[in-house]
Amino acid sequence: MTAVASPRAAFHSWRTDAPEPMQVAWPADTTRAGPEMIAQALAQTMGEVRASSSDCPTVAARTRSLLNDALERLDEETRRCGCGRLHRETIASLFRHDVPRQMLLCMEALDFENRKVAMRLLDAVVRRALTPPCDAAELVESYMREHPDTLQHLLAGCGKLEVFFLCSPLIKSFARSPSMAKALLDAGAANHLLDLAFHQNFDIASEAFVALRELLLAHADISAEYVQDHASSFFPAWHLLLSSEDNYVIKRQALRFLAEMLLDASFQDVMCEYVRTEQYLRIHMNLLIDDSVTIQLEAFHVFKLFVANPYKPARLQLILAKNRHGLVKKVKYLSGVQRDDAQFESDAAHVIGALTSLEG
């Protein structure tokens, strides 16, 4: 099977050439400052972080203070009046001064504690902007249109050892919004996260896969259209995960998620096309004889869709018919393994009946 070219190279590395923000003066106690001044101060400080070093105690301390003040302001507004006008003002100020993108640009330059607070702030802004009652999704969408490279910087961070555990959760927060899920898909997020699922670092691979699952299932109607339009590249890349011998956990998760996706009503058209493909049938027949019984059980949930398809192409029907005796034996064995699972036994009985009725 030909591997899909890695899309990782299409994503930019962290930029360090962003223009310096204008110098502003702000009160020593920024907890009393308005959202506009806090946003200006954050923008200036991010510029100082890029220009100096995360080892500079003064810059690091000021950064931590400003980040905490902005986060506390959001929390205080929530306690006082929920996600209303004040939230919109704070979020709008942060976007107006390009704070989210600048924070991503200098994320690696921040010390560990400041990275955590910075991503907590970004996550809080995204979650509260994209969910009722704040409902400021148009602010996020407008910001992303004006700064389209923001998502690319975020996706690039998902593959960096220093910040992946901060960036991947933010991808999941974005994916919960229909408009942002589409923006992520249009930005190539599915292919990029799928590529990262092969990463040699297990934690990066696992986090990327979890983010990918959220992206594809949070708004299945949107992602189904994307998968259908890109099926010729998407599924071959996905199948590489199923043939991986280096990462059993990812292989099992990829197989389980594939079944979950194909069984989702939004993916019906995708599923119908998938189960008509001879190459894909052969992949899952081979997985039924994998060394791991667990993998065999997961593979059954996809294999049964090929058998249940009432419109099998002649070639697929012939393959199933010629192998029906071995397949029936395997399904009976798996049914015995899962004898306490009534649904599995029911599915197995239907598959056995359908295979037995085929003529070789």
Protein backbone atom coordinates (compact mmCIF):
# COMPACT_ATOMS: atom_id res chain seq x y z
CA MET A 1 0.00 0.00 0.00
CA THR A 2 1.42 3.40 -0.89
CA ALA A 3 1.81 5.71 2.09
CA VAL A 4 0.31 9.15 1.91
CA ALA A 5 2.87 11.93 1.85
CA SER A 6 3.29 13.57 5.22
CA PRO A 7 1.52 16.92 5.45
CA ARG A 8 3.68 17.95 8.36
CA ALA A 9 6.00 19.98 6.15
CA ALA A 10 3.07 22.16 5.11
CA PHE A 11 2.83 23.61 8.58
CA HIS A 12 5.00 26.51 9.64
CA SER A 13 7.38 26.32 12.53
CA TRP A 14 7.10 28.90 15.27
CA ARG A 15 7.67 32.36 13.80
CA THR A 16 9.87 34.88 15.52
CA ASP A 17 9.55 37.76 13.09
CA ALA A 18 6.20 39.15 14.27
CA PRO A 19 6.21 42.95 14.65
CA GLU A 20 6.86 44.29 18.11
CA PRO A 21 3.72 45.61 19.81
CA MET A 22 3.61 49.27 20.70
CA GLN A 23 4.92 50.20 24.13
CA VAL A 24 2.18 50.86 26.67
CA ALA A 25 2.14 51.74 30.31
CA TRP A 26 -0.15 49.88 32.65
CA PRO A 27 -0.87 50.01 36.35
CA ALA A 28 1.35 47.94 38.63
CA ASP A 29 -1.85 46.28 39.86
CA THR A 30 -3.36 45.01 36.61
CA THR A 31 -6.22 43.31 38.41
CA ARG A 32 -7.81 46.78 38.48
CA ALA A 33 -7.08 47.49 34.83
CA GLY A 34 -9.69 47.17 32.12
CA PRO A 35 -9.62 44.44 29.48
CA GLU A 36 -8.11 46.76 26.89
CA MET A 37 -5.10 47.58 29.04
CA ILE A 38 -4.55 43.97 30.06
CA ALA A 39 -4.64 42.91 26.41
CA GLN A 40 -2.17 45.66 25.43
CA ALA A 41 0.14 44.67 28.26
CA LEU A 42 0.01 41.01 27.28
CA ALA A 43 0.78 41.84 23.65
CA GLN A 44 3.79 43.90 24.70
CA THR A 45 5.04 41.24 27.09
CA MET A 46 4.79 38.51 24.47
CA GLY A 47 7.00 40.67 22.26
CA GLU A 48 9.51 41.00 25.09
CA VAL A 49 9.51 37.23 25.61
CA ARG A 50 10.43 36.67 21.96
CA ALA A 51 13.04 39.42 22.04
CA SER A 52 14.70 38.35 25.27
CA SER A 53 14.69 34.99 26.98
CA SER A 54 12.41 32.92 29.15
CA ASP A 55 15.32 32.89 31.65
CA CYS A 56 14.90 36.61 32.30
CA PRO A 57 13.30 36.69 35.78
CA THR A 58 11.69 40.09 35.28
CA VAL A 59 10.00 39.20 32.00
CA ALA A 60 8.94 35.78 33.29
CA ALA A 61 7.44 37.25 36.46
CA ARG A 62 5.58 39.98 34.56
CA THR A 63 4.30 37.44 32.05
CA ARG A 64 2.98 35.16 34.79
CA SER A 65 1.31 38.08 36.57
CA LEU A 66 -0.44 39.31 33.40
CA LEU A 67 -1.57 35.86 32.34
CA ASN A 68 -2.98 35.15 35.79
CA ASP A 69 -4.69 38.55 35.89
CA ALA A 70 -6.39 37.93 32.54
CA LEU A 71 -7.48 34.45 33.62
CA GLU A 72 -8.75 35.70 36.98
CA ARG A 73 -10.66 38.45 35.22
CA LEU A 74 -12.52 35.90 33.11
CA ASP A 75 -13.25 33.80 36.20
CA GLU A 76 -14.44 36.83 38.15
CA GLU A 77 -16.74 37.89 35.30
CA THR A 78 -18.19 34.38 35.25
CA ARG A 79 -18.86 34.44 38.99
CA ARG A 80 -20.45 37.88 38.86
CA CYS A 81 -22.61 37.78 35.76
CA GLY A 82 -21.96 34.64 33.73
CA CYS A 83 -20.65 34.79 30.16
CA GLY A 84 -22.15 38.10 29.14
CA ARG A 85 -21.09 41.55 27.98
CA LEU A 86 -17.97 41.71 30.13
CA HIS A 87 -16.74 38.43 28.71
CA ARG A 88 -17.24 39.67 25.19
CA GLU A 89 -15.27 42.83 25.98
CA THR A 90 -12.36 40.90 27.46
CA ILE A 91 -12.31 38.37 24.60
CA ALA A 92 -12.65 41.09 21.98
CA SER A 93 -9.73 43.02 23.53
CA LEU A 94 -7.48 39.95 23.48
CA PHE A 95 -8.33 39.32 19.83
CA ARG A 96 -7.98 42.99 18.87
CA HIS A 97 -4.39 43.00 20.13
CA ASP A 98 -3.59 39.64 18.51
CA VAL A 99 -2.81 38.06 21.87
CA PRO A 100 -3.72 34.42 21.04
CA ARG A 101 -1.44 34.20 18.01
CA GLN A 102 1.40 36.01 19.75
CA MET A 103 1.13 33.62 22.68
CA LEU A 104 1.40 30.65 20.32
CA LEU A 105 4.38 32.22 18.56
CA CYS A 106 6.39 32.47 21.77
CA MET A 107 5.02 29.39 23.56
CA GLU A 108 8.32 27.54 23.44
CA ALA A 109 10.14 30.58 24.82
CA LEU A 110 7.95 30.65 27.93
CA ASP A 111 8.98 28.72 31.00
CA PHE A 112 6.94 25.66 31.92
CA GLU A 113 4.61 27.35 34.40
CA ASN A 114 3.89 30.26 32.07
CA ARG A 115 3.13 27.85 29.24
CA LYS A 116 0.51 26.15 31.36
CA VAL A 117 -1.15 29.41 32.38
CA ALA A 118 -1.00 30.73 28.79
CA MET A 119 -2.79 27.66 27.43
CA ARG A 120 -5.32 27.74 30.27
CA LEU A 121 -6.10 31.31 29.27
CA LEU A 122 -6.41 30.45 25.57
CA ASP A 123 -8.59 27.45 26.37
CA ALA A 124 -10.82 29.54 28.65
CA VAL A 125 -11.21 32.21 25.96
CA VAL A 126 -12.06 29.65 23.27
CA ARG A 127 -14.48 27.60 25.39
CA ARG A 128 -16.35 30.63 26.71
CA ALA A 129 -16.46 32.39 23.36
CA LEU A 130 -17.82 29.35 21.55
CA THR A 131 -20.44 28.22 24.06
CA PRO A 132 -23.68 29.79 25.35
CA PRO A 133 -24.54 32.08 26.96
CA CYS A 134 -21.51 34.11 25.86
CA ASP A 135 -21.97 32.96 22.25
CA ALA A 136 -19.17 35.07 20.80
CA ALA A 137 -18.32 32.62 18.04
CA GLU A 138 -18.32 35.42 15.48
CA LEU A 139 -15.40 37.04 17.34
CA VAL A 140 -13.37 33.83 17.08
CA GLU A 141 -14.29 33.31 13.43
CA SER A 142 -13.43 36.90 12.53
CA TYR A 143 -10.09 36.62 14.32
CA MET A 144 -9.20 33.39 12.53
CA ARG A 145 -10.07 34.92 9.16
CA GLU A 146 -7.76 37.84 9.89
CA HIS A 147 -4.99 35.57 11.21
CA PRO A 148 -5.32 32.31 9.26
CA ASP A 149 -1.88 31.08 10.35
CA THR A 150 -3.04 30.84 13.98
CA LEU A 151 -4.48 27.37 13.51
CA GLN A 152 -1.34 26.25 11.70
CA HIS A 153 0.83 27.37 14.61
CA LEU A 154 -1.49 25.52 16.98
CA LEU A 155 -1.35 22.35 14.88
CA ALA A 156 2.43 22.59 14.66
CA GLY A 157 2.53 22.73 18.46
CA CYS A 158 0.74 19.38 18.64
CA GLY A 159 3.93 17.78 17.34
CA LYS A 160 6.38 19.56 19.62
CA LEU A 161 7.51 17.73 22.75
CA GLU A 162 7.58 20.92 24.83
CA VAL A 163 4.00 22.02 24.15
CA PHE A 164 1.97 19.18 22.58
CA PHE A 165 0.15 18.44 25.85
CA LEU A 166 -1.03 22.05 25.88
CA CYS A 167 -1.90 22.45 22.20
CA SER A 168 -3.85 19.22 21.66
CA PRO A 169 -6.52 20.03 24.29
CA LEU A 170 -7.00 23.43 22.64
CA ILE A 171 -7.66 21.68 19.31
CA LYS A 172 -10.42 19.71 21.07
CA SER A 173 -11.95 22.91 22.43
CA PHE A 174 -11.97 24.43 18.94
CA ALA A 175 -13.48 21.25 17.49
CA ARG A 176 -16.59 21.57 19.66
CA SER A 177 -17.70 24.54 17.56
CA PRO A 178 -19.20 23.68 14.13
CA SER A 179 -17.61 26.67 12.43
CA MET A 180 -14.19 26.05 13.98
CA ALA A 181 -14.36 22.32 13.25
CA LYS A 182 -14.82 23.20 9.59
CA ALA A 183 -11.99 25.74 9.77
CA LEU A 184 -9.69 23.09 11.26
CA LEU A 185 -10.61 20.58 8.57
CA ASP A 186 -10.07 23.19 5.86
CA ALA A 187 -6.68 23.96 7.41
CA GLY A 188 -5.63 20.32 6.97
CA ALA A 189 -5.97 19.39 10.65
CA ALA A 190 -7.26 15.86 10.01
CA ASN A 191 -4.27 14.89 7.87
CA HIS A 192 -1.83 16.62 10.20
CA LEU A 193 -3.19 14.89 13.33
CA LEU A 194 -3.34 11.58 11.48
CA ASP A 195 0.29 12.04 10.53
CA LEU A 196 1.17 12.76 14.16
CA ALA A 197 -0.49 9.49 15.22
CA PHE A 198 2.65 7.84 13.74
CA HIS A 199 4.95 9.96 15.91
CA GLN A 200 7.72 8.03 17.62
CA ASN A 201 6.78 9.67 20.92
CA PHE A 202 3.85 7.68 22.30
CA ASP A 203 2.34 10.61 24.21
CA ILE A 204 2.36 12.90 21.17
CA ALA A 205 0.82 10.14 19.05
CA SER A 206 -1.89 9.42 21.62
CA GLU A 207 -2.83 13.06 22.17
CA ALA A 208 -2.98 13.66 18.42
CA PHE A 209 -5.28 10.68 17.95
CA VAL A 210 -7.62 11.81 20.73
CA ALA A 211 -7.78 15.29 19.17
CA LEU A 212 -8.48 13.73 15.77
CA ARG A 213 -11.32 11.67 17.19
CA GLU A 214 -12.89 14.79 18.71
CA LEU A 215 -12.51 16.67 15.44
CA LEU A 216 -14.20 13.95 13.39
CA LEU A 217 -17.04 13.06 15.75
CA ALA A 218 -17.93 16.30 17.56
CA HIS A 219 -19.78 17.50 14.44
CA ALA A 220 -20.03 14.37 12.33
CA ASP A 221 -22.16 15.98 9.64
CA ILE A 222 -19.35 18.42 8.87
CA SER A 223 -16.49 15.93 9.10
CA ALA A 224 -18.37 13.31 7.07
CA GLU A 225 -18.48 15.68 4.12
CA TYR A 226 -14.75 16.28 4.47
CA VAL A 227 -13.94 12.55 4.68
CA GLN A 228 -16.11 11.79 1.66
CA ASP A 229 -14.41 14.49 -0.40
CA HIS A 230 -10.94 13.27 0.64
CA ALA A 231 -11.59 9.53 0.93
CA SER A 232 -8.93 8.60 -1.63
CA SER A 233 -6.18 10.01 0.60
CA PHE A 234 -7.81 9.80 4.03
CA PHE A 235 -8.45 6.04 4.21
CA PRO A 236 -5.09 4.87 2.84
CA ALA A 237 -3.42 7.00 5.52
CA TRP A 238 -5.77 5.62 8.16
CA HIS A 239 -5.08 2.05 7.08
CA LEU A 240 -1.39 2.58 7.76
CA LEU A 241 -2.35 2.83 11.43
CA LEU A 242 -4.08 -0.53 11.17
CA SER A 243 -0.93 -2.15 9.83
CA SER A 244 1.33 -0.65 12.48
CA GLU A 245 3.32 -3.18 14.48
CA ASP A 246 5.03 -0.54 16.63
CA ASN A 247 2.06 0.93 18.47
CA TYR A 248 -0.57 -1.60 19.51
CA VAL A 249 -2.62 0.97 21.45
CA ILE A 250 -2.96 3.31 18.46
CA LYS A 251 -3.70 0.36 16.16
CA ARG A 252 -6.53 -0.79 18.42
CA GLN A 253 -7.91 2.73 18.87
CA ALA A 254 -7.78 3.38 15.13
CA LEU A 255 -9.69 0.18 14.40
CA ARG A 256 -12.31 0.86 17.06
CA PHE A 257 -12.77 4.44 15.95
CA LEU A 258 -13.08 3.40 12.30
CA ALA A 259 -16.01 1.15 13.22
CA GLU A 260 -17.55 3.90 15.32
CA MET A 261 -17.22 6.40 12.49
CA LEU A 262 -18.63 4.11 9.80
CA LEU A 263 -21.61 3.22 12.01
CA ASP A 264 -22.43 6.88 12.68
CA ALA A 265 -25.52 7.92 10.72
CA SER A 266 -23.77 11.03 9.42
CA PHE A 267 -21.16 8.82 7.73
CA GLN A 268 -23.68 6.60 5.94
CA ASP A 269 -22.60 7.65 2.45
CA VAL A 270 -18.95 7.22 3.44
CA MET A 271 -19.70 3.77 4.85
CA CYS A 272 -21.60 2.64 1.75
CA GLU A 273 -18.65 3.53 -0.45
CA TYR A 274 -16.13 2.04 1.98
CA VAL A 275 -17.75 -1.41 2.08
CA ARG A 276 -17.79 -1.60 -1.72
CA THR A 277 -13.98 -1.45 -1.91
CA GLU A 278 -12.21 -4.79 -2.39
CA GLN A 279 -8.89 -3.58 -1.01
CA TYR A 280 -10.55 -2.51 2.24
CA LEU A 281 -12.29 -5.88 2.62
CA ARG A 282 -8.95 -7.66 2.31
CA ILE A 283 -7.46 -5.42 5.01
CA HIS A 284 -10.14 -6.39 7.51
CA MET A 285 -10.08 -10.06 6.60
CA ASN A 286 -6.37 -10.03 7.41
CA LEU A 287 -7.08 -8.26 10.71
CA LEU A 288 -9.45 -11.11 11.61
CA ILE A 289 -6.38 -13.36 11.79
CA ASP A 290 -4.17 -10.87 13.64
CA ASP A 291 -2.02 -12.29 16.43
CA SER A 292 -4.08 -10.32 18.95
CA VAL A 293 -7.58 -11.61 19.69
CA THR A 294 -8.51 -8.09 20.79
CA ILE A 295 -7.61 -6.76 17.34
CA GLN A 296 -9.63 -9.60 15.78
CA LEU A 297 -12.67 -8.59 17.85
CA GLU A 298 -12.32 -4.94 16.86
CA ALA A 299 -11.91 -5.94 13.20
CA PHE A 300 -15.15 -7.91 13.31
CA HIS A 301 -17.15 -4.72 13.87
CA VAL A 302 -15.93 -3.36 10.52
CA PHE A 303 -15.96 -6.72 8.70
CA LYS A 304 -19.63 -7.27 9.51
CA LEU A 305 -20.49 -4.14 7.49
CA PHE A 306 -19.04 -5.72 4.33
CA VAL A 307 -21.08 -8.88 4.90
CA ALA A 308 -24.29 -6.96 5.67
CA ASN A 309 -24.04 -4.79 2.55
CA PRO A 310 -26.97 -5.84 0.32
CA TYR A 311 -25.32 -4.29 -2.73
CA LYS A 312 -21.99 -6.11 -2.75
CA PRO A 313 -20.04 -5.81 -5.99
CA ALA A 314 -19.62 -9.20 -7.66
CA ARG A 315 -15.91 -9.27 -6.88
CA LEU A 316 -16.48 -8.82 -3.12
CA GLN A 317 -19.24 -11.42 -3.10
CA LEU A 318 -16.88 -13.89 -4.77
CA ILE A 319 -14.10 -13.23 -2.22
CA LEU A 320 -16.48 -13.77 0.69
CA ALA A 321 -17.96 -16.90 -0.88
CA LYS A 322 -14.58 -18.52 -1.52
CA ASN A 323 -13.46 -17.84 2.05
CA ARG A 324 -16.80 -18.45 3.76
CA HIS A 325 -15.81 -21.65 5.59
CA GLY A 326 -12.76 -20.10 7.22
CA LEU A 327 -14.65 -16.90 7.95
CA VAL A 328 -17.56 -18.75 9.57
CA LYS A 329 -15.12 -20.70 11.72
CA LYS A 330 -13.39 -17.48 12.81
CA VAL A 331 -16.66 -15.68 13.62
CA LYS A 332 -17.87 -18.65 15.66
CA TYR A 333 -14.62 -18.58 17.61
CA LEU A 334 -14.95 -14.85 18.30
CA SER A 335 -18.57 -15.34 19.34
CA GLY A 336 -17.38 -17.86 21.89
CA VAL A 337 -14.82 -15.41 23.22
CA GLN A 338 -17.60 -12.82 23.60
CA ARG A 339 -20.28 -15.23 24.83
CA ASP A 340 -21.32 -12.80 27.57
CA ASP A 341 -21.97 -10.04 25.02
CA ALA A 342 -25.52 -10.52 23.69
CA GLN A 343 -25.15 -7.87 20.98
CA PHE A 344 -21.93 -9.41 19.69
CA GLU A 345 -23.53 -12.86 19.58
CA SER A 346 -26.50 -11.46 17.66
CA ASP A 347 -24.23 -9.72 15.13
CA ALA A 348 -22.13 -12.86 14.78
CA ALA A 349 -25.22 -14.99 14.12
CA HIS A 350 -26.31 -12.65 11.32
CA VAL A 351 -22.83 -12.68 9.78
CA ILE A 352 -22.64 -16.48 9.95
CA GLY A 353 -26.07 -16.76 8.34
CA ALA A 354 -25.15 -14.38 5.54
CA LEU A 355 -21.81 -16.10 4.86
CA THR A 356 -23.38 -19.57 4.88
CA SER A 357 -25.90 -18.51 2.26
CA LEU A 358 -23.21 -17.42 -0.19
CA GLU A 359 -22.40 -19.72 -3.09
CA GLY A 360 -18.76 -20.26 -3.95
